[in-house]
Amino acid sequence: MMIFLEIFELYIQKADTLREMIDNLYHYYNKNIFLFFLIHPTFYYVLGVTIYFDSFNFYSITILVLKSFDIFFKIELIKQRYYEPVMDEELEQMMELKMTLSMKLLALFTYVPLLYLSLIS
């Protein structure tokens, strides 16, 4: 299930650059902040699995912390891009970075094994 949800997130957030991804996410954010949070289902899935299996260990906490940082970093980028008068120069340069296939699949190859390790620990 985690693999399916990661692929779903990958599909929703697909873009060639970070700027395009933030622009796509802004549409959800602008409609409703709760909709923005709902398009990150892996966070809720990991939270639910962690609670259900009572597997509060290093691996599950690591996934939850990284997912939280990811979501709030995206919110910060949206804020910088759409609500601040001028974006930081470093962030502006970072927004133009091309996102390679390996960058897009990094979450899939990181979080799924961590969840597995969390459940067998």
Protein backbone atom coordinates (compact mmCIF):
# COMPACT_ATOMS: atom_id res chain seq x y z
CA MET A 1 0.00 0.00 0.00
CA MET A 2 2.87 2.35 0.81
CA ILE A 3 4.31 1.84 -2.68
CA PHE A 4 0.96 2.71 -4.27
CA LEU A 5 0.61 5.86 -2.13
CA GLU A 6 4.16 7.00 -2.91
CA ILE A 7 3.48 6.56 -6.64
CA PHE A 8 0.23 8.51 -6.22
CA GLU A 9 2.11 11.38 -4.54
CA LEU A 10 4.72 11.22 -7.27
CA TYR A 11 2.00 11.50 -9.90
CA ILE A 12 0.28 14.46 -8.21
CA GLN A 13 3.55 16.32 -7.67
CA LYS A 14 5.09 15.52 -11.06
CA ALA A 15 7.11 18.33 -12.59
CA ASP A 16 10.37 18.95 -14.40
CA THR A 17 11.63 21.56 -11.95
CA LEU A 18 11.03 22.41 -8.34
CA ARG A 19 9.27 25.62 -9.45
CA GLU A 20 6.74 23.64 -11.47
CA MET A 21 6.11 21.31 -8.56
CA ILE A 22 5.52 24.24 -6.19
CA ASP A 23 3.23 25.85 -8.76
CA ASN A 24 1.22 22.62 -9.00
CA LEU A 25 1.01 22.31 -5.23
CA TYR A 26 -0.03 25.96 -4.91
CA HIS A 27 -3.28 25.18 -6.73
CA TYR A 28 -4.22 22.72 -3.98
CA TYR A 29 -2.95 25.07 -1.26
CA ASN A 30 -4.90 28.00 -2.69
CA LYS A 31 -8.16 26.02 -2.86
CA ASN A 32 -7.94 24.77 0.70
CA ILE A 33 -5.06 24.14 3.09
CA PHE A 34 -6.68 20.85 4.15
CA LEU A 35 -6.72 19.72 0.53
CA PHE A 36 -3.00 20.45 0.40
CA PHE A 37 -2.45 18.22 3.43
CA LEU A 38 -4.68 15.48 1.98
CA ILE A 39 -2.49 15.12 -1.11
CA HIS A 40 0.23 13.78 1.18
CA PRO A 41 -1.44 10.47 2.10
CA THR A 42 1.77 8.60 2.93
CA PHE A 43 2.20 10.69 6.06
CA TYR A 44 -1.21 9.60 7.35
CA TYR A 45 -0.65 6.02 6.25
CA VAL A 46 2.66 5.78 8.13
CA LEU A 47 1.07 7.43 11.17
CA GLY A 48 -1.82 4.97 11.06
CA VAL A 49 0.42 1.93 10.59
CA THR A 50 2.68 3.11 13.41
CA ILE A 51 -0.25 3.51 15.78
CA TYR A 52 -1.99 0.29 14.71
CA PHE A 53 1.11 -1.89 15.08
CA ASP A 54 2.43 0.09 18.05
CA SER A 55 5.78 0.39 16.30
CA PHE A 56 7.04 3.67 17.70
CA ASN A 57 10.70 3.10 16.97
CA PHE A 58 13.56 4.92 15.30
CA TYR A 59 12.48 4.01 11.76
CA SER A 60 8.85 5.07 12.02
CA ILE A 61 9.73 8.28 13.83
CA THR A 62 12.35 9.01 11.15
CA ILE A 63 9.75 8.63 8.40
CA LEU A 64 7.27 10.88 10.21
CA VAL A 65 9.88 13.56 10.89
CA LEU A 66 11.15 13.55 7.29
CA LYS A 67 7.60 13.64 5.89
CA SER A 68 6.75 16.55 8.23
CA PHE A 69 9.83 18.48 7.15
CA ASP A 70 8.95 17.80 3.52
CA ILE A 71 5.40 19.13 3.89
CA PHE A 72 6.40 22.22 5.82
CA PHE A 73 9.30 22.94 3.46
CA LYS A 74 6.82 22.91 0.57
CA ILE A 75 4.57 25.29 2.49
CA GLU A 76 7.54 27.58 3.08
CA LEU A 77 8.42 27.54 -0.62
CA ILE A 78 4.81 28.39 -1.50
CA LYS A 79 4.89 31.23 1.01
CA GLN A 80 8.17 32.55 -0.38
CA ARG A 81 6.99 32.29 -3.99
CA TYR A 82 3.46 33.65 -3.70
CA TYR A 83 3.16 35.68 -0.52
CA GLU A 84 6.54 37.35 0.00
CA PRO A 85 7.47 40.36 -2.13
CA VAL A 86 10.92 38.98 -2.97
CA MET A 87 12.15 35.40 -2.81
CA ASP A 88 15.56 34.67 -1.32
CA GLU A 89 18.22 34.45 -4.01
CA GLU A 90 19.32 30.96 -2.93
CA LEU A 91 15.76 29.68 -3.04
CA GLU A 92 15.22 31.29 -6.43
CA GLN A 93 18.22 29.42 -7.83
CA MET A 94 17.10 26.20 -6.19
CA MET A 95 13.65 26.49 -7.79
CA GLU A 96 15.19 26.18 -11.26
CA LEU A 97 16.89 22.85 -10.56
CA LYS A 98 15.87 20.02 -12.86
CA MET A 99 14.33 17.08 -11.04
CA THR A 100 15.78 13.83 -12.31
CA LEU A 101 14.02 10.48 -12.18
CA SER A 102 16.24 9.38 -9.31
CA MET A 103 15.23 12.45 -7.30
CA LYS A 104 11.57 11.69 -7.92
CA LEU A 105 11.93 8.05 -6.88
CA LEU A 106 14.07 8.78 -3.84
CA ALA A 107 11.08 8.82 -1.49
CA LEU A 108 9.89 5.48 -2.81
CA PHE A 109 13.28 3.85 -2.27
CA THR A 110 13.74 5.46 1.15
CA TYR A 111 10.40 5.37 2.94
CA VAL A 112 9.22 1.90 1.91
CA PRO A 113 12.30 0.09 3.30
CA LEU A 114 12.19 2.26 6.42
CA LEU A 115 8.56 1.29 6.98
CA TYR A 116 9.46 -2.37 6.52
CA LEU A 117 12.29 -2.03 9.05
CA SER A 118 9.91 -0.27 11.41
CA LEU A 119 7.42 -3.12 11.26
CA ILE A 120 9.92 -5.95 11.73
CA SER A 121 11.71 -4.26 14.65
